[in-house]
């Protein structure tokens, strides 16, 4: 076939094919990784909380970087749609996990204040109702997440990110009201300034 006459072209085609194969293999590994990855949960009274997230966060960061590198290569053309889909999916997982952790932390901190303190319930009735609503919906969300614990499924569930952002907004409103109330108490009892809220 006199291939030696076309050494440059043949080398270029072989290199391109090797790079395409590498991209295909990496995308396959990413896909299988997330198919098998599940959240862990810790039972907390009558609800659940997210367990350790180190592995998930590490994978999101590492694989997002890999996907970005793939998209910069000309050999990605054949797999561009799939690579872009995974890039978007991991971006969603990252955003949802971040807000989820924030809501969980703040819900956990304010839960005993708004649900167990008669003083706060009496002084801040509207915010107590707001927090109670979040509490009910939060527990519902966590029950659903325990049943469907696949990371990608749990994070990309329809309306999940919006719901968590709504919880965050309501919890922040409750916290602002609580801080304003405590500020008034501090004016009456200045020694309270030496205590954390």
N, C-alpha and C. Protein backbone atom coordinates (compact mmCIF):
# COMPACT_ATOMS: atom_id res chain seq x y z
N UNK A 1 0.83 -1.22 0.00
CA UNK A 1 0.00 0.00 0.00
C UNK A 1 0.86 1.27 0.00
N UNK A 2 2.18 1.08 0.09
CA UNK A 2 3.11 2.22 0.08
C UNK A 2 2.77 3.26 1.16
N UNK A 3 2.40 2.77 2.34
CA UNK A 3 2.02 3.68 3.43
C UNK A 3 3.17 4.59 3.84
N UNK A 4 4.41 4.13 3.62
CA UNK A 4 5.56 4.96 3.99
C UNK A 4 5.54 6.31 3.28
N UNK A 5 4.84 6.35 2.13
CA UNK A 5 4.75 7.62 1.39
C UNK A 5 3.84 8.62 2.12
N UNK A 6 2.98 8.08 2.98
CA UNK A 6 2.00 8.94 3.68
C UNK A 6 2.21 8.90 5.20
N UNK A 7 3.47 8.75 5.58
CA UNK A 7 3.80 8.58 7.01
C UNK A 7 3.18 9.68 7.89
N UNK A 8 3.27 10.93 7.46
CA UNK A 8 2.75 12.05 8.27
C UNK A 8 1.24 11.94 8.46
N UNK A 9 0.54 11.67 7.34
CA UNK A 9 -0.93 11.56 7.40
C UNK A 9 -1.34 10.39 8.29
N UNK A 10 -0.67 9.26 8.10
CA UNK A 10 -0.99 8.06 8.88
C UNK A 10 -0.74 8.31 10.37
N UNK A 11 0.39 8.94 10.68
CA UNK A 11 0.73 9.26 12.08
C UNK A 11 -0.34 10.16 12.69
N UNK A 12 -0.77 11.16 11.92
CA UNK A 12 -1.80 12.10 12.42
C UNK A 12 -3.12 11.38 12.69
N UNK A 13 -3.50 10.48 11.78
CA UNK A 13 -4.76 9.73 11.95
C UNK A 13 -4.67 8.81 13.17
N UNK A 14 -3.54 8.12 13.31
CA UNK A 14 -3.35 7.21 14.44
C UNK A 14 -3.37 7.97 15.77
N UNK A 15 -2.67 9.12 15.80
CA UNK A 15 -2.66 9.95 17.02
C UNK A 15 -4.07 10.43 17.37
N UNK A 16 -4.80 10.88 16.35
CA UNK A 16 -6.18 11.34 16.55
C UNK A 16 -7.07 10.24 17.10
N UNK A 17 -6.92 9.04 16.52
CA UNK A 17 -7.72 7.90 16.95
C UNK A 17 -7.40 7.51 18.39
N UNK A 18 -6.11 7.57 18.73
CA UNK A 18 -5.69 7.23 20.10
C UNK A 18 -6.29 8.23 21.10
N UNK A 19 -6.27 9.52 20.72
CA UNK A 19 -6.84 10.55 21.61
C UNK A 19 -8.35 10.39 21.73
N UNK A 20 -9.01 10.05 20.63
CA UNK A 20 -10.47 9.81 20.67
C UNK A 20 -10.78 8.64 21.60
N UNK A 21 -9.98 7.59 21.47
CA UNK A 21 -10.18 6.40 22.31
C UNK A 21 -10.02 6.75 23.79
N UNK A 22 -9.03 7.59 24.07
CA UNK A 22 -8.77 8.02 25.45
C UNK A 22 -9.96 8.79 26.01
N UNK A 23 -10.50 9.70 25.18
CA UNK A 23 -11.67 10.50 25.59
C UNK A 23 -12.85 9.58 25.86
N UNK A 24 -13.09 8.65 24.93
CA UNK A 24 -14.22 7.72 25.07
C UNK A 24 -14.10 6.91 26.35
N UNK A 25 -12.89 6.43 26.64
CA UNK A 25 -12.65 5.64 27.85
C UNK A 25 -12.91 6.47 29.11
N UNK A 26 -12.39 7.72 29.12
CA UNK A 26 -12.56 8.58 30.30
C UNK A 26 -14.02 8.91 30.55
N UNK A 27 -14.76 9.20 29.47
CA UNK A 27 -16.19 9.51 29.63
C UNK A 27 -16.93 8.28 30.17
N UNK A 28 -16.54 7.10 29.71
CA UNK A 28 -17.13 5.86 30.20
C UNK A 28 -16.88 5.67 31.69
N UNK A 29 -15.65 5.97 32.13
CA UNK A 29 -15.29 5.85 33.54
C UNK A 29 -16.12 6.83 34.38
N UNK A 30 -16.24 8.08 33.90
CA UNK A 30 -17.02 9.10 34.62
C UNK A 30 -18.46 8.65 34.75
N UNK A 31 -19.03 8.17 33.66
CA UNK A 31 -20.42 7.71 33.64
C UNK A 31 -20.64 6.57 34.64
N UNK A 32 -19.75 5.58 34.63
CA UNK A 32 -19.90 4.44 35.55
C UNK A 32 -19.71 4.86 37.00
N UNK A 33 -18.79 5.79 37.24
CA UNK A 33 -18.53 6.28 38.60
C UNK A 33 -19.81 6.85 39.21
N UNK A 34 -20.50 7.72 38.44
CA UNK A 34 -21.68 8.40 38.97
C UNK A 34 -22.91 7.50 38.97
N UNK A 35 -22.92 6.46 38.16
CA UNK A 35 -24.02 5.50 38.20
C UNK A 35 -24.04 4.77 39.54
N UNK A 36 -22.85 4.53 40.09
CA UNK A 36 -22.72 3.74 41.32
C UNK A 36 -22.66 4.58 42.59
N UNK A 37 -22.44 5.88 42.45
CA UNK A 37 -22.20 6.72 43.64
C UNK A 37 -23.49 7.11 44.35
N UNK A 38 -23.52 6.86 45.66
CA UNK A 38 -24.72 7.18 46.45
C UNK A 38 -24.34 8.05 47.66
N UNK A 39 -25.30 8.87 48.08
CA UNK A 39 -25.12 9.64 49.31
C UNK A 39 -25.19 8.70 50.50
N UNK A 40 -24.48 9.06 51.58
CA UNK A 40 -24.67 8.34 52.84
C UNK A 40 -25.47 9.27 53.75
N UNK A 41 -26.25 8.67 54.63
CA UNK A 41 -27.11 9.46 55.52
C UNK A 41 -26.91 9.05 56.97
N UNK A 42 -27.12 10.01 57.85
CA UNK A 42 -27.04 9.76 59.29
C UNK A 42 -28.43 10.02 59.85
N UNK A 43 -28.94 9.06 60.62
CA UNK A 43 -30.26 9.24 61.22
C UNK A 43 -30.16 10.27 62.34
N UNK A 44 -31.06 11.25 62.31
CA UNK A 44 -31.03 12.33 63.30
C UNK A 44 -32.45 12.53 63.81
N UNK A 45 -32.78 11.89 64.93
CA UNK A 45 -34.14 11.98 65.48
C UNK A 45 -35.14 11.38 64.51
N UNK A 46 -36.09 12.21 64.06
CA UNK A 46 -37.13 11.71 63.14
C UNK A 46 -36.80 12.03 61.69
N UNK A 47 -35.54 12.40 61.42
CA UNK A 47 -35.16 12.69 60.04
C UNK A 47 -33.75 12.19 59.77
N UNK A 48 -33.18 12.62 58.65
CA UNK A 48 -31.83 12.21 58.26
C UNK A 48 -31.01 13.44 57.91
N UNK A 49 -29.69 13.27 57.96
CA UNK A 49 -28.78 14.31 57.49
C UNK A 49 -27.77 13.67 56.54
N UNK A 50 -27.23 14.48 55.65
CA UNK A 50 -26.20 13.98 54.73
C UNK A 50 -24.97 13.56 55.51
N UNK A 51 -24.40 12.43 55.12
CA UNK A 51 -23.16 11.97 55.75
C UNK A 51 -21.95 12.63 55.10
N UNK A 52 -20.79 11.99 55.19
CA UNK A 52 -19.54 12.54 54.65
C UNK A 52 -19.65 12.75 53.14
N UNK A 53 -19.13 13.90 52.68
CA UNK A 53 -19.23 14.26 51.26
C UNK A 53 -17.87 14.42 50.60
N UNK A 54 -16.79 14.10 51.32
CA UNK A 54 -15.44 14.33 50.79
C UNK A 54 -15.21 13.68 49.43
N UNK A 55 -15.59 12.41 49.30
CA UNK A 55 -15.38 11.68 48.04
C UNK A 55 -16.14 12.35 46.89
N UNK A 56 -17.39 12.71 47.16
CA UNK A 56 -18.23 13.33 46.12
C UNK A 56 -17.62 14.66 45.66
N UNK A 57 -17.23 15.51 46.62
CA UNK A 57 -16.66 16.82 46.29
C UNK A 57 -15.36 16.66 45.50
N UNK A 58 -14.53 15.71 45.94
CA UNK A 58 -13.25 15.44 45.27
C UNK A 58 -13.48 14.99 43.83
N UNK A 59 -14.44 14.08 43.63
CA UNK A 59 -14.74 13.59 42.29
C UNK A 59 -15.29 14.69 41.39
N UNK A 60 -16.19 15.51 41.92
CA UNK A 60 -16.76 16.62 41.13
C UNK A 60 -15.64 17.53 40.64
N UNK A 61 -14.75 17.92 41.55
CA UNK A 61 -13.66 18.84 41.18
C UNK A 61 -12.73 18.22 40.14
N UNK A 62 -12.28 17.00 40.42
CA UNK A 62 -11.33 16.33 39.52
C UNK A 62 -11.91 16.06 38.15
N UNK A 63 -13.13 15.50 38.12
CA UNK A 63 -13.72 15.12 36.83
C UNK A 63 -14.21 16.33 36.04
N UNK A 64 -14.60 17.41 36.71
CA UNK A 64 -14.99 18.64 36.00
C UNK A 64 -13.79 19.19 35.24
N UNK A 65 -12.63 19.11 35.88
CA UNK A 65 -11.38 19.56 35.25
C UNK A 65 -11.05 18.69 34.04
N UNK A 66 -11.20 17.38 34.20
CA UNK A 66 -10.95 16.44 33.08
C UNK A 66 -11.86 16.74 31.90
N UNK A 67 -13.15 16.98 32.18
CA UNK A 67 -14.12 17.26 31.11
C UNK A 67 -13.79 18.57 30.40
N UNK A 68 -13.34 19.57 31.16
CA UNK A 68 -12.96 20.85 30.57
C UNK A 68 -11.77 20.66 29.63
N UNK A 69 -10.81 19.84 30.06
CA UNK A 69 -9.63 19.55 29.24
C UNK A 69 -10.04 18.84 27.95
N UNK A 70 -10.98 17.88 28.08
CA UNK A 70 -11.46 17.15 26.90
C UNK A 70 -12.11 18.09 25.89
N UNK A 71 -12.93 19.01 26.39
CA UNK A 71 -13.64 19.93 25.51
C UNK A 71 -12.70 20.86 24.74
N UNK A 72 -11.49 21.03 25.26
CA UNK A 72 -10.51 21.90 24.60
C UNK A 72 -9.78 21.17 23.46
N UNK A 73 -9.95 19.85 23.35
CA UNK A 73 -9.27 19.07 22.31
C UNK A 73 -10.14 18.95 21.06
N UNK A 74 -9.50 18.99 19.89
CA UNK A 74 -10.29 18.89 18.65
C UNK A 74 -10.85 17.48 18.44
N UNK A 75 -10.23 16.49 19.07
CA UNK A 75 -10.71 15.10 18.92
C UNK A 75 -12.00 14.83 19.68
N UNK A 76 -12.51 15.80 20.42
CA UNK A 76 -13.71 15.59 21.24
C UNK A 76 -14.98 15.59 20.40
N UNK A 77 -14.90 16.09 19.17
CA UNK A 77 -16.08 16.32 18.32
C UNK A 77 -17.09 15.18 18.38
N UNK A 78 -16.61 13.95 18.24
CA UNK A 78 -17.48 12.76 18.22
C UNK A 78 -18.26 12.58 19.54
N UNK A 79 -17.67 13.07 20.65
CA UNK A 79 -18.25 12.84 21.98
C UNK A 79 -18.70 14.14 22.66
N UNK A 80 -18.68 15.23 21.89
CA UNK A 80 -18.92 16.57 22.46
C UNK A 80 -20.23 16.65 23.25
N UNK A 81 -21.29 16.09 22.69
CA UNK A 81 -22.61 16.14 23.33
C UNK A 81 -22.58 15.46 24.70
N UNK A 82 -21.99 14.28 24.74
CA UNK A 82 -21.92 13.51 25.99
C UNK A 82 -21.01 14.19 27.02
N UNK A 83 -19.88 14.72 26.55
CA UNK A 83 -18.95 15.41 27.45
C UNK A 83 -19.62 16.66 28.03
N UNK A 84 -20.31 17.42 27.18
CA UNK A 84 -21.02 18.64 27.63
C UNK A 84 -22.12 18.28 28.63
N UNK A 85 -22.82 17.15 28.35
CA UNK A 85 -23.89 16.71 29.25
C UNK A 85 -23.33 16.42 30.64
N UNK A 86 -22.19 15.73 30.70
CA UNK A 86 -21.59 15.39 31.99
C UNK A 86 -21.03 16.63 32.68
N UNK A 87 -20.51 17.56 31.90
CA UNK A 87 -20.01 18.81 32.49
C UNK A 87 -21.15 19.56 33.18
N UNK A 88 -22.30 19.62 32.49
CA UNK A 88 -23.48 20.31 33.04
C UNK A 88 -24.00 19.56 34.28
N UNK A 89 -24.03 18.24 34.21
CA UNK A 89 -24.51 17.42 35.33
C UNK A 89 -23.64 17.65 36.58
N UNK A 90 -22.32 17.63 36.39
CA UNK A 90 -21.42 17.80 37.54
C UNK A 90 -21.50 19.22 38.11
N UNK A 91 -21.77 20.18 37.25
CA UNK A 91 -21.94 21.57 37.71
C UNK A 91 -23.20 21.65 38.60
N UNK A 92 -24.27 20.95 38.18
CA UNK A 92 -25.50 20.91 38.97
C UNK A 92 -25.26 20.21 40.31
N UNK A 93 -24.58 19.07 40.27
CA UNK A 93 -24.28 18.32 41.51
C UNK A 93 -23.50 19.22 42.47
N UNK A 94 -22.51 19.92 41.96
CA UNK A 94 -21.69 20.82 42.79
C UNK A 94 -22.55 21.91 43.45
N UNK A 95 -23.40 22.56 42.65
CA UNK A 95 -24.24 23.65 43.18
C UNK A 95 -25.24 23.13 44.20
N UNK A 96 -25.86 21.98 43.91
CA UNK A 96 -26.88 21.42 44.81
C UNK A 96 -26.26 20.95 46.13
N UNK A 97 -25.13 20.27 46.05
CA UNK A 97 -24.47 19.80 47.28
C UNK A 97 -24.08 20.99 48.16
N UNK A 98 -23.59 22.06 47.54
CA UNK A 98 -23.18 23.25 48.30
C UNK A 98 -24.36 23.87 49.06
N UNK A 99 -25.49 24.06 48.37
CA UNK A 99 -26.66 24.68 49.03
C UNK A 99 -27.28 23.70 50.03
N UNK A 100 -27.26 22.42 49.71
CA UNK A 100 -27.81 21.38 50.59
C UNK A 100 -27.09 21.39 51.95
N UNK A 101 -25.76 21.43 51.89
CA UNK A 101 -24.95 21.45 53.12
C UNK A 101 -25.24 22.71 53.93
N UNK A 102 -25.37 23.84 53.23
CA UNK A 102 -25.65 25.12 53.91
C UNK A 102 -27.00 25.07 54.62
N UNK A 103 -28.02 24.58 53.91
CA UNK A 103 -29.37 24.49 54.50
C UNK A 103 -29.35 23.54 55.69
N UNK A 104 -28.71 22.39 55.52
CA UNK A 104 -28.66 21.39 56.60
C UNK A 104 -28.02 21.97 57.86
N UNK A 105 -26.91 22.69 57.68
CA UNK A 105 -26.20 23.28 58.82
C UNK A 105 -27.09 24.30 59.54
N UNK A 106 -27.72 25.19 58.77
CA UNK A 106 -28.55 26.24 59.37
C UNK A 106 -29.84 25.69 59.96
N UNK A 107 -30.44 24.71 59.28
CA UNK A 107 -31.66 24.08 59.80
C UNK A 107 -31.36 23.40 61.14
N UNK A 108 -30.25 22.67 61.17
CA UNK A 108 -29.84 21.94 62.36
C UNK A 108 -29.59 22.88 63.55
N UNK A 109 -29.01 24.05 63.26
CA UNK A 109 -28.68 25.02 64.31
C UNK A 109 -29.93 25.72 64.84
N UNK A 110 -30.86 26.06 63.93
CA UNK A 110 -32.04 26.82 64.34
C UNK A 110 -33.22 25.96 64.80
N UNK A 111 -33.17 24.68 64.47
CA UNK A 111 -34.26 23.76 64.80
C UNK A 111 -34.65 23.80 66.28
N UNK A 112 -33.69 23.61 67.21
CA UNK A 112 -34.09 23.64 68.64
C UNK A 112 -34.57 25.02 69.09
N UNK A 113 -34.09 26.08 68.45
CA UNK A 113 -34.49 27.44 68.86
C UNK A 113 -35.94 27.70 68.49
N UNK A 114 -36.30 27.41 67.23
CA UNK A 114 -37.65 27.74 66.77
C UNK A 114 -38.70 26.68 67.15
N UNK A 115 -38.28 25.45 67.35
CA UNK A 115 -39.28 24.40 67.63
C UNK A 115 -39.36 24.01 69.10
N UNK A 116 -38.34 24.36 69.90
CA UNK A 116 -38.36 23.93 71.30
C UNK A 116 -38.41 25.08 72.30
N UNK A 117 -38.17 26.31 71.84
CA UNK A 117 -38.16 27.45 72.76
C UNK A 117 -39.50 28.17 72.76
N UNK A 118 -40.21 28.06 73.87
CA UNK A 118 -41.53 28.71 74.00
C UNK A 118 -41.41 30.23 73.89
N UNK A 119 -40.31 30.76 74.43
CA UNK A 119 -40.09 32.21 74.39
C UNK A 119 -40.03 32.70 72.94
N UNK A 120 -39.21 32.03 72.14
CA UNK A 120 -39.05 32.43 70.73
C UNK A 120 -40.37 32.22 69.97
N UNK A 121 -41.04 31.13 70.23
CA UNK A 121 -42.31 30.85 69.56
C UNK A 121 -43.33 31.96 69.86
N UNK A 122 -43.32 32.45 71.09
CA UNK A 122 -44.25 33.51 71.48
C UNK A 122 -43.86 34.86 70.92
N UNK A 123 -42.56 35.13 70.89
CA UNK A 123 -42.06 36.44 70.45
C UNK A 123 -42.02 36.57 68.92
N UNK A 124 -41.76 35.46 68.24
CA UNK A 124 -41.63 35.49 66.76
C UNK A 124 -42.58 34.48 66.11
N UNK A 125 -43.91 34.68 66.26
CA UNK A 125 -44.86 33.68 65.76
C UNK A 125 -44.81 33.47 64.24
N UNK A 126 -44.66 34.56 63.49
CA UNK A 126 -44.63 34.43 62.02
C UNK A 126 -43.42 33.65 61.56
N UNK A 127 -42.27 33.98 62.15
CA UNK A 127 -41.04 33.29 61.76
C UNK A 127 -41.03 31.84 62.24
N UNK A 128 -41.71 31.59 63.37
CA UNK A 128 -41.83 30.21 63.85
C UNK A 128 -42.64 29.39 62.86
N UNK A 129 -43.75 29.98 62.35
CA UNK A 129 -44.57 29.29 61.34
C UNK A 129 -43.76 29.04 60.07
N UNK A 130 -42.97 30.05 59.68
CA UNK A 130 -42.13 29.92 58.48
C UNK A 130 -41.14 28.77 58.68
N UNK A 131 -40.52 28.73 59.86
CA UNK A 131 -39.53 27.68 60.13
C UNK A 131 -40.20 26.30 60.20
N UNK A 132 -41.38 26.23 60.78
CA UNK A 132 -42.12 24.95 60.87
C UNK A 132 -42.41 24.40 59.48
N UNK A 133 -42.78 25.30 58.56
CA UNK A 133 -43.07 24.90 57.17
C UNK A 133 -41.80 24.33 56.52
N UNK A 134 -40.67 25.04 56.72
CA UNK A 134 -39.39 24.56 56.18
C UNK A 134 -39.06 23.20 56.79
N UNK A 135 -39.28 23.06 58.11
CA UNK A 135 -38.96 21.83 58.83
C UNK A 135 -39.71 20.63 58.23
N UNK A 136 -41.01 20.81 57.98
CA UNK A 136 -41.83 19.73 57.40
C UNK A 136 -41.33 19.36 56.01
N UNK A 137 -41.09 20.38 55.17
CA UNK A 137 -40.66 20.13 53.79
C UNK A 137 -39.24 19.58 53.73
N UNK A 138 -38.39 20.04 54.66
CA UNK A 138 -37.01 19.54 54.72
C UNK A 138 -37.01 18.04 55.03
N UNK A 139 -37.81 17.63 56.02
CA UNK A 139 -37.86 16.22 56.40
C UNK A 139 -38.40 15.35 55.25
N UNK A 140 -39.35 15.92 54.51
CA UNK A 140 -39.92 15.23 53.34
C UNK A 140 -38.83 15.04 52.28
N UNK A 141 -38.08 16.11 52.02
CA UNK A 141 -36.98 16.06 51.04
C UNK A 141 -35.95 15.01 51.44
N UNK A 142 -35.61 14.97 52.73
CA UNK A 142 -34.60 14.02 53.19
C UNK A 142 -35.09 12.58 53.09
N UNK A 143 -36.38 12.36 53.37
CA UNK A 143 -36.94 10.99 53.21
C UNK A 143 -36.86 10.56 51.74
N UNK A 144 -37.19 11.49 50.85
CA UNK A 144 -37.13 11.20 49.41
C UNK A 144 -35.69 10.91 49.00
N UNK A 145 -34.73 11.70 49.51
CA UNK A 145 -33.31 11.51 49.17
C UNK A 145 -32.79 10.16 49.66
N UNK A 146 -33.25 9.72 50.84
CA UNK A 146 -32.83 8.42 51.38
C UNK A 146 -33.33 7.30 50.47
N UNK A 147 -34.56 7.44 49.97
CA UNK A 147 -35.12 6.43 49.06
C UNK A 147 -34.43 6.43 47.70
N UNK A 148 -34.08 7.62 47.21
CA UNK A 148 -33.38 7.74 45.91
C UNK A 148 -32.02 8.36 46.17
N UNK A 149 -31.10 7.54 46.71
CA UNK A 149 -29.84 8.08 47.22
C UNK A 149 -28.73 8.23 46.18
N UNK A 150 -28.99 7.88 44.93
CA UNK A 150 -27.98 8.09 43.89
C UNK A 150 -27.67 9.59 43.80
N UNK A 151 -26.40 9.95 43.82
CA UNK A 151 -26.02 11.36 43.89
C UNK A 151 -26.59 12.16 42.73
N UNK A 152 -26.42 11.65 41.50
CA UNK A 152 -26.90 12.38 40.32
C UNK A 152 -28.42 12.50 40.35
N UNK A 153 -29.12 11.40 40.65
CA UNK A 153 -30.58 11.44 40.70
C UNK A 153 -31.08 12.41 41.78
N UNK A 154 -30.47 12.36 42.95
CA UNK A 154 -30.90 13.22 44.07
C UNK A 154 -30.65 14.69 43.77
N UNK A 155 -29.53 14.99 43.11
CA UNK A 155 -29.18 16.40 42.85
C UNK A 155 -29.90 16.98 41.63
N UNK A 156 -30.23 16.11 40.66
CA UNK A 156 -30.85 16.63 39.44
C UNK A 156 -32.37 16.41 39.44
N UNK A 157 -32.91 15.92 40.57
CA UNK A 157 -34.37 15.74 40.67
C UNK A 157 -35.05 17.07 40.37
N UNK A 158 -36.15 17.01 39.67
CA UNK A 158 -36.83 18.23 39.22
C UNK A 158 -37.17 19.15 40.40
N UNK A 159 -36.71 20.39 40.31
CA UNK A 159 -37.02 21.39 41.33
C UNK A 159 -36.19 21.30 42.59
N UNK A 160 -35.24 20.37 42.66
CA UNK A 160 -34.46 20.17 43.89
C UNK A 160 -33.65 21.41 44.26
N UNK A 161 -32.91 21.96 43.30
CA UNK A 161 -32.07 23.13 43.59
C UNK A 161 -32.92 24.33 44.01
N UNK A 162 -34.03 24.55 43.29
CA UNK A 162 -34.93 25.67 43.60
C UNK A 162 -35.52 25.52 45.00
N UNK A 163 -35.90 24.27 45.34
CA UNK A 163 -36.48 24.01 46.66
C UNK A 163 -35.47 24.32 47.77
N UNK A 164 -34.23 23.87 47.59
CA UNK A 164 -33.19 24.12 48.60
C UNK A 164 -32.89 25.61 48.71
N UNK A 165 -32.88 26.31 47.59
CA UNK A 165 -32.66 27.76 47.62
C UNK A 165 -33.80 28.46 48.35
N UNK A 166 -35.03 27.95 48.17
CA UNK A 166 -36.19 28.48 48.89
C UNK A 166 -36.05 28.27 50.40
N UNK A 167 -35.62 27.06 50.80
CA UNK A 167 -35.38 26.77 52.22
C UNK A 167 -34.35 27.75 52.78
N UNK A 168 -33.27 27.93 52.03
CA UNK A 168 -32.19 28.80 52.47
C UNK A 168 -32.68 30.22 52.70
N UNK A 169 -33.48 30.70 51.77
CA UNK A 169 -34.02 32.06 51.86
C UNK A 169 -34.93 32.20 53.10
N UNK A 170 -35.81 31.21 53.32
CA UNK A 170 -36.72 31.25 54.48
C UNK A 170 -35.94 31.17 55.80
N UNK A 171 -34.93 30.31 55.83
CA UNK A 171 -34.13 30.16 57.05
C UNK A 171 -33.38 31.46 57.35
N UNK A 172 -32.85 32.10 56.30
CA UNK A 172 -32.15 33.38 56.49
C UNK A 172 -33.09 34.45 57.04
N UNK A 173 -34.35 34.45 56.55
CA UNK A 173 -35.35 35.41 57.05
C UNK A 173 -35.61 35.16 58.53
N UNK A 174 -35.76 33.89 58.91
CA UNK A 174 -35.97 33.53 60.33
C UNK A 174 -34.78 33.97 61.18
N UNK A 175 -33.59 33.75 60.66
CA UNK A 175 -32.39 34.09 61.42
C UNK A 175 -32.26 35.60 61.62
N UNK A 176 -32.61 36.36 60.59
CA UNK A 176 -32.56 37.83 60.71
C UNK A 176 -33.52 38.30 61.80
N UNK A 177 -34.72 37.74 61.80
CA UNK A 177 -35.72 38.11 62.82
C UNK A 177 -35.22 37.73 64.21
N UNK A 178 -34.62 36.56 64.32
CA UNK A 178 -34.08 36.10 65.60
C UNK A 178 -32.97 37.03 66.09
N UNK A 179 -32.07 37.40 65.18
CA UNK A 179 -30.96 38.30 65.55
C UNK A 179 -31.47 39.67 65.99
N UNK A 180 -32.50 40.17 65.31
CA UNK A 180 -33.08 41.47 65.68
C UNK A 180 -33.70 41.39 67.08
N UNK A 181 -34.39 40.27 67.35
CA UNK A 181 -35.01 40.06 68.67
C UNK A 181 -33.94 39.99 69.77
N UNK A 182 -32.85 39.25 69.49
CA UNK A 182 -31.77 39.10 70.47
C UNK A 182 -31.05 40.43 70.71
N UNK A 183 -30.98 41.24 69.66
CA UNK A 183 -30.35 42.57 69.78
C UNK A 183 -31.13 43.43 70.77
N UNK A 184 -32.46 43.32 70.71
CA UNK A 184 -33.32 44.06 71.65
C UNK A 184 -33.07 43.57 73.09
N UNK A 185 -32.93 42.27 73.24
CA UNK A 185 -32.66 41.69 74.57
C UNK A 185 -31.32 42.20 75.12
N UNK A 186 -30.33 42.31 74.22
CA UNK A 186 -29.00 42.76 74.65
C UNK A 186 -29.04 44.21 75.14
N UNK A 187 -29.91 45.02 74.53
CA UNK A 187 -30.02 46.42 74.97
C UNK A 187 -30.57 46.49 76.40
N UNK A 188 -31.46 45.55 76.71
CA UNK A 188 -32.05 45.51 78.06
C UNK A 188 -31.06 44.89 79.05
N UNK A 189 -30.38 43.83 78.62
CA UNK A 189 -29.40 43.14 79.48
C UNK A 189 -28.03 43.17 78.79
N UNK A 190 -27.26 44.24 78.96
CA UNK A 190 -25.97 44.38 78.26
C UNK A 190 -25.01 43.21 78.44
N UNK A 191 -25.16 42.46 79.54
CA UNK A 191 -24.25 41.30 79.74
C UNK A 191 -24.40 40.27 78.62
N UNK A 192 -25.55 40.27 77.95
CA UNK A 192 -25.77 39.33 76.85
C UNK A 192 -24.81 39.57 75.67
N UNK A 193 -24.25 40.79 75.62
CA UNK A 193 -23.30 41.07 74.53
C UNK A 193 -22.06 40.17 74.61
N UNK A 194 -21.82 39.62 75.81
CA UNK A 194 -20.64 38.76 75.97
C UNK A 194 -20.92 37.31 75.59
N UNK A 195 -22.18 37.03 75.22
CA UNK A 195 -22.56 35.66 74.84
C UNK A 195 -22.83 35.60 73.34
N UNK A 196 -22.58 34.45 72.75
CA UNK A 196 -22.93 34.29 71.32
C UNK A 196 -24.43 34.13 71.22
N UNK A 197 -24.98 34.44 70.04
CA UNK A 197 -26.43 34.30 69.87
C UNK A 197 -26.89 32.88 70.14
